[in-house]
Protein backbone atom coordinates (compact mmCIF):
# COMPACT_ATOMS: atom_id res chain seq x y z
CA UNK A 1 99.72 -88.07 6.48
CA UNK A 2 102.48 -89.84 5.60
CA UNK A 3 105.00 -87.06 6.80
CA UNK A 4 102.70 -87.25 10.21
CA UNK A 5 102.75 -90.93 11.02
CA UNK A 6 106.45 -90.86 10.09
CA UNK A 7 107.05 -88.28 12.54
CA UNK A 8 105.06 -90.51 15.40
CA UNK A 9 107.21 -93.48 14.91
CA UNK A 10 110.19 -91.59 15.13
CA UNK A 11 109.03 -89.97 18.27
CA UNK A 12 108.47 -93.68 19.52
CA UNK A 13 111.63 -94.99 18.55
CA UNK A 14 113.57 -92.05 19.84
CA UNK A 15 111.96 -92.17 23.51
CA UNK A 16 109.97 -89.12 23.31
CA UNK A 17 106.73 -88.61 24.89
CA UNK A 18 103.24 -90.36 23.42
CA UNK A 19 101.65 -93.67 23.74
CA UNK A 20 103.45 -96.08 26.17
CA UNK A 21 102.11 -99.23 23.78
CA UNK A 22 104.07 -97.68 21.14
CA UNK A 23 107.54 -96.66 22.89
CA UNK A 24 110.25 -99.29 22.17
CA UNK A 25 113.02 -100.31 24.18
CA UNK A 26 116.04 -98.86 23.66
CA UNK A 27 119.11 -101.40 22.95
CA UNK A 28 121.71 -101.65 25.97
CA UNK A 29 124.50 -101.12 23.40
CA UNK A 30 122.89 -98.14 22.55
CA UNK A 31 122.66 -96.68 26.02
CA UNK A 32 125.49 -94.51 26.27
CA UNK A 33 126.06 -95.89 30.16
CA UNK A 34 126.97 -99.06 28.90
CA UNK A 35 128.65 -97.79 25.59
CA UNK A 36 130.91 -95.92 28.27
CA UNK A 37 131.26 -98.81 30.16
CA UNK A 38 132.75 -100.90 27.17
CA UNK A 39 134.98 -98.53 26.13
CA UNK A 40 136.51 -98.10 29.15
CA UNK A 41 136.73 -101.73 29.73
CA UNK A 42 138.32 -101.96 26.01
CA UNK A 43 140.92 -99.50 27.14
CA UNK A 44 141.79 -101.15 30.58
CA UNK A 45 142.69 -104.48 27.97
CA UNK A 46 144.38 -102.72 26.11
CA UNK A 47 146.81 -101.32 28.68
CA UNK A 48 147.00 -104.83 30.27
CA UNK A 49 147.98 -106.39 27.13
CA UNK A 50 151.07 -103.80 26.55
CA UNK A 51 151.57 -104.04 29.88
CA UNK A 52 152.22 -108.03 29.48
CA UNK A 53 153.85 -107.53 25.78
CA UNK A 54 156.55 -105.27 27.56
CA UNK A 55 157.10 -107.40 30.16
CA UNK A 56 157.62 -110.31 27.68
CA UNK A 57 159.97 -108.15 25.30
CA UNK A 58 161.95 -107.62 29.15
CA UNK A 59 162.21 -111.46 29.80
CA UNK A 60 162.57 -113.08 26.58
CA UNK A 61 161.90 -116.46 28.03
CA UNK A 62 157.93 -116.55 27.86
CA UNK A 63 157.12 -116.87 23.76
CA UNK A 64 153.73 -118.98 24.65
CA UNK A 65 151.42 -116.73 26.68
CA UNK A 66 151.00 -115.38 29.88
CA UNK A 67 152.36 -117.38 32.72
CA UNK A 68 150.40 -119.79 34.50
CA UNK A 69 147.40 -119.07 31.74
CA UNK A 70 146.74 -123.09 31.31
CA UNK A 71 147.21 -123.85 34.69
CA UNK A 72 144.44 -121.28 35.92
CA UNK A 73 141.91 -122.34 33.10
CA UNK A 74 142.42 -125.91 32.80
CA UNK A 75 139.86 -126.35 35.36
CA UNK A 76 137.89 -123.39 35.65
CA UNK A 77 136.59 -123.65 32.33
CA UNK A 78 135.22 -127.17 32.65
CA UNK A 79 132.04 -127.92 32.88
CA UNK A 80 130.11 -129.63 35.90
CA UNK A 81 129.75 -132.78 34.11
CA UNK A 82 133.73 -133.00 33.24
CA UNK A 83 134.44 -132.16 36.55
CA UNK A 84 132.20 -135.03 37.93
CA UNK A 85 134.02 -137.22 35.24
CA UNK A 86 137.16 -136.31 36.03
CA UNK A 87 136.56 -136.67 39.66
CA UNK A 88 135.03 -140.48 38.82
CA UNK A 89 138.08 -141.24 37.28
CA UNK A 90 140.18 -140.37 39.39
CA UNK A 91 138.35 -142.31 41.89
CA UNK A 92 138.56 -145.19 40.10
CA UNK A 93 142.45 -145.23 39.52
CA UNK A 94 142.60 -145.26 43.43
CA UNK A 95 140.90 -148.93 43.80
CA UNK A 96 142.73 -150.04 40.54
CA UNK A 97 145.83 -149.08 42.36
CA UNK A 98 144.22 -151.02 45.65
CA UNK A 99 143.61 -153.92 43.45
CA UNK A 100 147.08 -153.81 41.68
CA UNK A 101 148.96 -154.14 44.49
CA UNK A 102 146.81 -156.99 45.95
CA UNK A 103 148.08 -158.87 42.66
CA UNK A 104 151.38 -158.04 42.66
CA UNK A 105 152.29 -161.48 43.23
CA UNK A 106 150.72 -162.82 40.28
CA UNK A 107 152.72 -163.37 36.73
CA UNK A 108 154.04 -160.40 34.83
CA UNK A 109 153.35 -158.10 31.86
CA UNK A 110 152.35 -161.03 29.50
CA UNK A 111 149.24 -161.38 30.97
CA UNK A 112 148.50 -157.87 31.22
CA UNK A 113 145.93 -157.23 29.21
CA UNK A 114 144.19 -160.08 30.86
CA UNK A 115 144.52 -158.54 33.88
CA UNK A 116 143.21 -155.48 33.23
CA UNK A 117 140.04 -156.53 32.74
CA UNK A 118 139.84 -159.09 35.59
CA UNK A 119 141.18 -155.99 37.59
CA UNK A 120 138.39 -153.80 36.50
CA UNK A 121 135.77 -156.45 37.81
CA UNK A 122 137.49 -156.43 41.32
CA UNK A 123 136.83 -152.58 41.15
CA UNK A 124 133.54 -152.89 40.44
CA UNK A 125 133.24 -155.36 43.28
CA UNK A 126 134.89 -153.02 45.84
CA UNK A 127 132.48 -150.24 44.53
CA UNK A 128 129.28 -152.72 45.06
CA UNK A 129 130.65 -153.54 48.45
CA UNK A 130 131.11 -150.00 49.77
CA UNK A 131 127.96 -149.15 48.04
CA UNK A 132 126.22 -151.69 50.11
CA UNK A 133 128.49 -150.84 53.61
CA UNK A 134 126.72 -147.22 53.20
CA UNK A 135 123.73 -147.88 53.04
CA UNK A 136 124.06 -150.15 55.52
CA UNK A 137 122.28 -153.42 53.73
CA UNK A 138 126.09 -154.81 54.37
CA UNK A 139 127.50 -154.84 57.78
CA UNK A 140 131.15 -154.68 57.70
CA UNK A 141 133.24 -157.35 60.08
CA UNK A 142 135.43 -155.32 62.38
CA UNK A 143 135.24 -156.86 65.72
CA UNK A 144 136.88 -159.87 64.73
CA UNK A 145 139.78 -158.43 63.55
CA UNK A 146 139.80 -155.72 66.43
CA UNK A 147 143.25 -157.33 68.30
CA UNK A 148 143.24 -157.35 72.09
CA UNK A 149 145.46 -154.51 73.46
CA UNK A 150 148.12 -155.18 75.84
CA UNK A 151 147.41 -154.23 80.02
CA UNK A 152 150.17 -151.38 78.60
CA UNK A 153 148.06 -149.82 76.43
CA UNK A 154 145.30 -147.76 78.18
CA UNK A 155 143.15 -144.58 77.70
CA UNK A 156 145.18 -141.57 76.65
CA UNK A 157 143.92 -137.88 77.86
CA UNK A 158 143.29 -135.40 74.60
CA UNK A 159 142.27 -132.52 76.39
CA UNK A 160 140.65 -131.56 79.22
CA UNK A 161 137.64 -129.91 81.00
CA UNK A 162 137.14 -127.89 84.50
CA UNK A 163 134.08 -130.08 84.63
CA UNK A 164 132.41 -133.42 83.54
CA UNK A 165 132.42 -133.64 80.00
CA UNK A 166 128.90 -134.16 78.45
CA UNK A 167 129.10 -134.90 74.59
CA UNK A 168 131.59 -135.75 72.11
CA UNK A 169 131.68 -136.01 68.54
CA UNK A 170 133.84 -136.59 65.48
CA UNK A 171 133.76 -135.37 62.02
CA UNK A 172 133.22 -137.56 58.96
CA UNK A 173 137.34 -137.45 58.17
CA UNK A 174 138.24 -138.61 61.91
CA UNK A 175 140.56 -135.59 62.20
CA UNK A 176 138.71 -133.07 64.14
CA UNK A 177 136.96 -133.54 67.22
CA UNK A 178 134.40 -131.82 69.73
CA UNK A 179 133.56 -131.78 72.99
CA UNK A 180 131.23 -130.20 75.34
CA UNK A 181 131.53 -129.79 79.48
CA UNK A 182 128.97 -129.15 82.57
CA UNK A 183 131.12 -125.82 82.88
CA UNK A 184 129.52 -124.35 79.68
CA UNK A 185 132.86 -124.85 77.28
CA UNK A 186 132.85 -126.19 73.72
CA UNK A 187 135.96 -127.19 72.49
CA UNK A 188 137.39 -127.95 69.29
CA UNK A 189 141.02 -130.40 69.00
CA UNK A 190 142.87 -132.10 66.45
CA UNK A 191 142.64 -136.25 66.92
CA UNK A 192 146.61 -136.63 66.00
CA UNK A 193 148.12 -133.75 67.97
CA UNK A 194 145.10 -133.10 70.89
CA UNK A 195 145.55 -129.37 70.60
CA UNK A 196 142.40 -127.92 71.26
CA UNK A 197 140.85 -124.82 70.86
CA UNK A 198 137.87 -123.13 72.39
CA UNK A 199 134.62 -121.48 71.36
CA UNK A 200 133.76 -118.40 72.31
CA UNK A 201 129.74 -117.31 73.54
CA UNK A 202 128.51 -114.56 71.52
CA UNK A 203 127.54 -111.51 74.28
CA UNK A 204 123.47 -111.22 75.33
CA UNK A 205 122.90 -108.47 72.58
CA UNK A 206 123.79 -110.78 69.65
CA UNK A 207 122.07 -113.85 70.80
CA UNK A 208 118.88 -111.52 71.63
CA UNK A 209 119.27 -110.39 67.72
CA UNK A 210 119.07 -114.10 67.06
CA UNK A 211 115.85 -114.24 69.28
CA UNK A 212 116.47 -115.92 71.92
CA UNK A 213 114.67 -115.57 75.18
CA UNK A 214 115.01 -115.31 78.56
CA UNK A 215 115.73 -118.57 80.73
CA UNK A 216 112.41 -120.03 82.81
CA UNK A 217 111.77 -122.59 85.60
CA UNK A 218 115.47 -123.49 87.29
CA UNK A 219 117.31 -122.17 84.36
CA UNK A 220 118.74 -119.04 85.00
CA UNK A 221 120.75 -116.17 82.55
CA UNK A 222 124.44 -117.54 83.07
CA UNK A 223 123.02 -121.71 82.52
CA UNK A 224 125.32 -122.17 79.81
CA UNK A 225 126.25 -125.77 80.46
CA UNK A 226 126.32 -127.74 77.34
CA UNK A 227 124.31 -131.16 77.57
CA UNK A 228 124.68 -132.04 73.43
CA UNK A 229 126.74 -131.97 70.48
CA UNK A 230 126.08 -132.65 66.90
CA UNK A 231 128.14 -131.90 64.04
CA UNK A 232 127.23 -132.00 60.52
CA UNK A 233 128.45 -134.31 57.51
CA UNK A 234 130.43 -132.10 55.58
CA UNK A 235 132.38 -130.76 58.85
CA UNK A 236 131.04 -127.32 58.97
CA UNK A 237 128.33 -126.82 61.15
CA UNK A 238 128.56 -127.44 64.91
CA UNK A 239 124.96 -127.85 66.65
CA UNK A 240 125.06 -127.41 70.55
CA UNK A 241 122.31 -127.09 73.15
CA UNK A 242 122.17 -127.30 76.81
CA UNK A 243 120.03 -126.13 79.92
CA UNK A 244 119.31 -122.55 78.54
CA UNK A 245 116.79 -124.06 76.11
CA UNK A 246 118.39 -123.03 72.62
CA UNK A 247 120.22 -125.19 69.84
CA UNK A 248 123.14 -122.89 69.25
CA UNK A 249 125.00 -123.50 65.59
CA UNK A 250 128.70 -122.41 64.93
CA UNK A 251 131.03 -122.37 62.12
CA UNK A 252 133.31 -124.53 62.94
CA UNK A 253 136.08 -123.17 60.32
CA UNK A 254 136.03 -119.71 62.10
CA UNK A 255 134.63 -121.03 65.68
CA UNK A 256 132.03 -118.26 65.53
CA UNK A 257 128.61 -118.06 66.48
CA UNK A 258 125.90 -118.26 63.51
CA UNK A 259 123.00 -118.59 64.68
CA UNK A 260 120.59 -119.27 67.60
CA UNK A 261 117.35 -121.51 67.83
CA UNK A 262 114.53 -121.12 70.26
CA UNK A 263 111.57 -123.05 70.59
CA UNK A 264 112.02 -125.38 73.06
CA UNK A 265 110.35 -125.12 76.50
CA UNK A 266 113.33 -126.96 78.37
CA UNK A 267 116.93 -128.17 78.50
CA UNK A 268 117.84 -129.40 75.00
CA UNK A 269 119.13 -132.98 75.93
CA UNK A 270 120.45 -134.52 72.34
CA UNK A 271 121.04 -133.49 68.73
CA UNK A 272 121.78 -135.12 65.74
CA UNK A 273 122.27 -134.20 62.06
CA UNK A 274 120.51 -136.31 59.09
CA UNK A 275 123.55 -137.95 57.27
CA UNK A 276 124.37 -136.23 54.28
CA UNK A 277 122.38 -132.97 54.45
CA UNK A 278 121.67 -129.60 56.05
CA UNK A 279 118.62 -131.46 58.51
CA UNK A 280 119.05 -131.19 62.58
CA UNK A 281 116.64 -132.75 64.95
CA UNK A 282 116.75 -131.98 68.84
CA UNK A 283 115.04 -133.93 71.46
CA UNK A 284 114.32 -131.40 74.64
CA UNK A 285 112.91 -132.33 78.22
CA UNK A 286 109.78 -130.98 77.14
CA UNK A 287 109.03 -134.12 75.11
CA UNK A 288 109.17 -133.08 71.63
CA UNK A 289 111.44 -133.40 68.77
CA UNK A 290 111.87 -130.59 66.81
CA UNK A 291 113.40 -130.69 63.05
CA UNK A 292 115.37 -127.79 61.58
CA UNK A 293 117.42 -126.38 58.50
CA UNK A 294 120.58 -125.17 59.22
CA UNK A 295 121.11 -123.86 55.74
CA UNK A 296 118.23 -121.98 55.81
CA UNK A 297 118.41 -121.35 59.39
CA UNK A 298 114.83 -121.99 59.41
CA UNK A 299 112.63 -124.27 61.94
CA UNK A 300 110.51 -126.86 60.11
CA UNK A 301 108.38 -129.10 62.16
CA UNK A 302 107.79 -130.59 65.35
CA UNK A 303 107.33 -134.24 66.49
CA UNK A 304 105.26 -135.43 69.33
CA UNK A 305 104.93 -138.84 70.87
CA UNK A 306 106.81 -139.37 74.67
CA UNK A 307 105.21 -138.60 77.33
CA UNK A 308 108.39 -137.74 79.11
CA UNK A 309 111.63 -136.29 78.77
CA UNK A 310 113.34 -137.00 75.81
CA UNK A 311 117.15 -138.40 76.54
CA UNK A 312 118.92 -139.67 73.57
CA UNK A 313 118.24 -139.15 69.43
CA UNK A 314 119.79 -140.79 66.54
CA UNK A 315 119.41 -140.93 62.46
CA UNK A 316 121.09 -142.46 59.57
CA UNK A 317 120.87 -141.12 55.47
CA UNK A 318 116.98 -142.20 55.77
CA UNK A 319 114.30 -139.75 57.60
CA UNK A 320 113.88 -141.64 60.27
CA UNK A 321 114.41 -140.61 63.80
CA UNK A 322 115.24 -143.00 66.68
CA UNK A 323 114.60 -141.43 70.15
CA UNK A 324 114.98 -142.79 73.96
CA UNK A 325 112.82 -141.08 76.82
CA UNK A 326 112.35 -141.32 80.48
CA UNK A 327 109.00 -143.51 79.71
CA UNK A 328 110.21 -146.08 79.14
CA UNK A 329 109.81 -146.07 75.38
CA UNK A 330 112.25 -146.14 72.34
CA UNK A 331 110.41 -144.59 69.56
CA UNK A 332 111.16 -144.21 65.63
CA UNK A 333 109.51 -141.84 63.61
CA UNK A 334 109.15 -142.14 60.00
CA UNK A 335 108.75 -138.34 58.57
CA UNK A 336 107.50 -139.07 55.42
CA UNK A 337 104.65 -141.45 56.20
CA UNK A 338 104.16 -139.01 59.39
CA UNK A 339 104.04 -142.29 61.58
CA UNK A 340 106.23 -143.58 64.42
CA UNK A 341 106.74 -146.91 65.85
CA UNK A 342 106.57 -147.66 69.65
CA UNK A 343 109.33 -150.10 71.38
CA UNK A 344 109.06 -150.64 75.39
CA UNK A 345 111.47 -151.07 77.20
CA UNK A 346 111.68 -154.22 80.09
CA UNK A 347 113.89 -152.27 82.12
CA UNK A 348 113.22 -149.59 84.05
CA UNK A 349 114.62 -146.99 81.86
CA UNK A 350 116.16 -146.61 78.80
CA UNK A 351 118.87 -144.03 78.71
CA UNK A 352 121.05 -144.02 75.58
CA UNK A 353 120.10 -145.77 71.47
CA UNK A 354 122.26 -146.10 68.06
CA UNK A 355 121.29 -147.04 64.99
CA UNK A 356 123.22 -150.14 63.96
CA UNK A 357 121.31 -149.71 60.48
CA UNK A 358 118.02 -148.80 59.16
CA UNK A 359 116.28 -152.08 60.83
CA UNK A 360 118.39 -152.44 64.26
CA UNK A 361 119.28 -150.71 67.35
CA UNK A 362 120.94 -150.86 70.47
CA UNK A 363 120.28 -149.28 73.80
CA UNK A 364 121.67 -149.24 76.94
CA UNK A 365 118.98 -148.99 80.37
CA UNK A 366 119.70 -147.33 83.66
CA UNK A 367 119.37 -150.95 85.27
CA UNK A 368 122.79 -152.16 83.49
CA UNK A 369 121.28 -153.58 80.74
CA UNK A 370 122.26 -153.96 77.30
CA UNK A 371 119.51 -154.41 74.52
CA UNK A 372 119.15 -154.96 70.63
CA UNK A 373 116.08 -154.57 69.05
CA UNK A 374 114.56 -155.35 65.20
CA UNK A 375 112.04 -153.14 63.72
CA UNK A 376 110.03 -156.38 63.41
CA UNK A 377 109.58 -156.97 66.87
CA UNK A 378 108.38 -153.99 69.26
CA UNK A 379 110.43 -155.90 72.31
CA UNK A 380 114.25 -156.52 72.60
CA UNK A 381 115.63 -159.13 70.52
CA UNK A 382 118.32 -159.81 72.67
CA UNK A 383 118.84 -158.93 76.13
CA UNK A 384 122.85 -158.45 78.25
CA UNK A 385 121.99 -157.75 81.90
CA UNK A 386 124.50 -156.65 84.02
CA UNK A 387 126.79 -155.03 81.60
CA UNK A 388 128.46 -153.17 83.61
CA UNK A 389 128.43 -154.57 86.87
CA UNK A 390 130.92 -153.81 89.57
CA UNK A 391 131.55 -157.58 90.77
CA UNK A 392 135.42 -158.01 91.13
CA UNK A 393 135.52 -160.51 88.36
CA UNK A 394 134.42 -158.19 85.53
CA UNK A 395 137.25 -158.69 83.45
CA UNK A 396 136.53 -162.28 83.11
CA UNK A 397 133.01 -161.38 81.93
CA UNK A 398 132.44 -163.67 79.00
CA UNK A 399 133.59 -166.54 80.92
CA UNK A 400 131.61 -166.67 83.62
CA UNK A 401 128.41 -165.47 82.26
CA UNK A 402 125.70 -167.67 82.13
CA UNK A 403 122.92 -168.11 79.37
CA UNK A 404 119.28 -168.18 80.73
CA UNK A 405 117.03 -170.03 79.34
CA UNK A 406 114.97 -167.15 77.71
CA UNK A 407 118.02 -165.63 75.74
CA UNK A 408 119.54 -162.94 78.76
CA UNK A 409 122.80 -163.04 79.75
CA UNK A 410 123.48 -162.58 83.47
CA UNK A 411 126.96 -161.57 84.36
CA UNK A 412 127.35 -163.62 88.03
CA UNK A 413 126.13 -162.50 91.32
CA UNK A 414 125.58 -158.91 92.00
CA UNK A 415 125.58 -158.02 95.55
CA UNK A 416 125.48 -154.89 97.54
CA UNK A 417 128.85 -155.56 99.01
CA UNK A 418 130.30 -155.32 95.73
CA UNK A 419 128.81 -152.06 94.57
CA UNK A 420 131.36 -148.73 95.66
CA UNK A 421 128.47 -146.40 96.39
CA UNK A 422 125.06 -146.51 94.54
CA UNK A 423 123.83 -148.66 91.24
CA UNK A 424 124.66 -145.36 89.45
CA UNK A 425 127.81 -146.70 88.47
CA UNK A 426 126.40 -149.19 86.36
CA UNK A 427 124.12 -147.43 84.33
CA UNK A 428 124.96 -147.42 80.94
CA UNK A 429 125.30 -143.58 80.11
CA UNK A 430 126.41 -144.09 76.48
CA UNK A 431 126.49 -146.89 73.59
CA UNK A 432 128.03 -146.62 70.33
CA UNK A 433 128.50 -148.18 66.97
CA UNK A 434 131.10 -148.04 64.37
CA UNK A 435 128.88 -147.21 61.32
CA UNK A 436 128.05 -149.98 59.15
CA UNK A 437 129.89 -152.70 61.27
CA UNK A 438 129.80 -155.28 63.97
CA UNK A 439 131.30 -153.65 66.40
CA UNK A 440 130.37 -151.72 69.28
CA UNK A 441 131.02 -150.26 72.40
CA UNK A 442 129.37 -148.88 75.93
CA UNK A 443 130.61 -147.05 78.68
CA UNK A 444 129.35 -146.74 82.55
CA UNK A 445 130.85 -145.72 85.60
CA UNK A 446 132.00 -148.85 86.52
CA UNK A 447 135.88 -148.17 85.50
CA UNK A 448 135.83 -149.24 81.89
CA UNK A 449 134.60 -149.37 78.20
CA UNK A 450 133.43 -152.71 77.11
CA UNK A 451 133.42 -153.82 73.09
CA UNK A 452 130.87 -155.84 71.59
CA UNK A 453 130.05 -157.88 68.76
CA UNK A 454 126.88 -157.50 67.21
CA UNK A 455 125.75 -160.96 65.31
CA UNK A 456 124.45 -160.50 61.93
CA UNK A 457 123.39 -163.98 61.80
CA UNK A 458 122.98 -165.20 65.17
CA UNK A 459 121.31 -161.80 66.34
CA UNK A 460 122.71 -161.53 69.93
CA UNK A 461 125.56 -159.42 71.39
CA UNK A 462 128.84 -161.17 72.96
CA UNK A 463 131.58 -158.96 74.86
CA UNK A 464 134.60 -159.01 73.19
CA UNK A 465 137.06 -157.51 76.08
CA UNK A 466 137.32 -154.57 78.63
CA UNK A 467 139.34 -151.14 77.83
CA UNK A 468 140.11 -149.48 81.19
CA UNK A 469 138.84 -146.16 82.28
CA UNK A 470 138.39 -144.35 85.48
CA UNK A 471 135.41 -142.34 85.56
CA UNK A 472 131.47 -141.81 84.05
CA UNK A 473 131.84 -142.39 80.53
CA UNK A 474 129.04 -139.88 79.25
CA UNK A 475 129.55 -140.40 75.72
CA UNK A 476 131.33 -142.22 73.09
CA UNK A 477 132.33 -142.19 69.61
CA UNK A 478 133.99 -144.12 67.02
CA UNK A 479 136.19 -143.71 64.34
CA UNK A 480 134.67 -144.31 60.70
CA UNK A 481 137.58 -146.81 59.99
CA UNK A 482 137.32 -148.53 63.56
CA UNK A 483 141.08 -147.51 64.33
CA UNK A 484 140.17 -145.18 67.57
CA UNK A 485 137.60 -145.05 69.85
CA UNK A 486 137.38 -141.92 71.68
CA UNK A 487 135.25 -141.09 75.29
CA UNK A 488 134.01 -138.32 77.07
CA UNK A 489 134.31 -138.79 81.01
CA UNK A 490 133.14 -137.01 83.84
CA UNK A 491 133.63 -137.51 87.63
CA UNK A 492 129.40 -137.07 87.38
CA UNK A 493 126.89 -138.59 85.32
CA UNK A 494 125.55 -136.58 81.93
CA UNK A 495 122.56 -135.58 83.25
CA UNK A 496 122.75 -135.52 86.86
CA UNK A 497 124.87 -135.84 90.25
CA UNK A 498 123.92 -139.33 91.34
CA UNK A 499 127.13 -140.08 91.81
CA UNK A 500 131.10 -138.71 92.19
CA UNK A 501 134.44 -140.38 91.12
CA UNK A 502 136.71 -137.94 92.47
CA UNK A 503 139.56 -140.20 90.89
CA UNK A 504 138.41 -139.36 87.46
CA UNK A 505 139.59 -136.71 84.80
CA UNK A 506 137.12 -134.88 83.23
CA UNK A 507 138.14 -134.75 79.69
CA UNK A 508 138.40 -136.52 76.49
CA UNK A 509 140.13 -139.86 76.38
CA UNK A 510 141.18 -141.98 73.35
CA UNK A 511 142.52 -145.42 72.97
CA UNK A 512 143.87 -146.79 69.60
CA UNK A 513 142.66 -150.35 68.03
CA UNK A 514 144.68 -152.58 66.41
CA UNK A 515 142.89 -154.11 63.32
CA UNK A 516 144.14 -157.58 61.67
């Protein structure tokens, strides 16, 4: 009986036939395949060691091991925690150097230990201030530091397009820019050099493989007209949308088409990424806002609320989306709460919007007005009327404006004789804000880009000065540092052909700003 039982155990251990429950899995080390692989790797390692030893004997100068071994493994072997610690130390050292340069005129090396503690306290204040500015709780004071440029300083054309530019966007590092046009071209260019590189549209077969559909209604297969652009915070992805009703995702490193998102039933008019994430929001003429995940190439959800075309969209770090539509409303969607706030404009129609902070916004209207909004009120808290009027005294805007009893500002009298063709030239087609600051800008077709100061305490908008620029300013973008502003200019407005300025240059123009 014992011999019979031992035979069964031996059969189970050896992997022979028998009950599967009593069968044991052999060790990986006992497997002939893995032992062969292990033996082969050991032989390769021995060959490599012999070759390196021979090279050391020939050269004679390398007695401390293989060349560059310490350099290669110093950072490769560190844990994620050690990497974060190293980067934090480098970040602190950078701020310490800044504080040290600011305090160079103080007494010398005898009080170095006292200064070290003072320096660290100043560094902590710098970091706290930066964190508050990044979160939007504190507004950077930039508008008061902007020096009025000389008359000789004007916008310089960076890149040109064949037709009107509809959108411009800047990367977070302010080194690269992107522009789109009505002719269907998308350009990527350097801010410093202005060298432009064109994005190539994929073939129809590739687009069909991504799930694209044939255009419907007025759109045709050849309608590659681009109306909106957005670049992700990490600068990796560029999103574009236009008359073909699809959202196209591009890789900025290779300028190759990555994915096409179908879903909208009308032209895609606006796009924005949520800061620091891969979430993309799109607005369309079909009155909906859709949410996409660019990393997973997936559709998330759809937001409803507008009763007409969605024209502009903006988003900060919070899961809140600000939209403007032709239904004379601006709507703030709170995505986690699944709620929205509707702001009704006294103007005929809002054209553009932009976040100042999480609780304040600025808009431009087709009646030439600029409005300042707060989340605490459903109507504007301040309005500037005729912000881009075509009066001959537009350069003396601030001196000639008269404040009315209702808090509005009227920019002189506007008569039909002062207008060159139609009121479309004074429509505020674009507004932007230097993120986290009190500096704003607006553009129209009246021949200038106007800079504004947004009052933190007074809750008003005051004009700084004008930057002359001929053409319809369809899109604006500030550098994160506030040192320059980029404008997308065209002979026609972004969403139509209600006016035409033949003297304008279709392209992207840049203007440097000097900060005191």
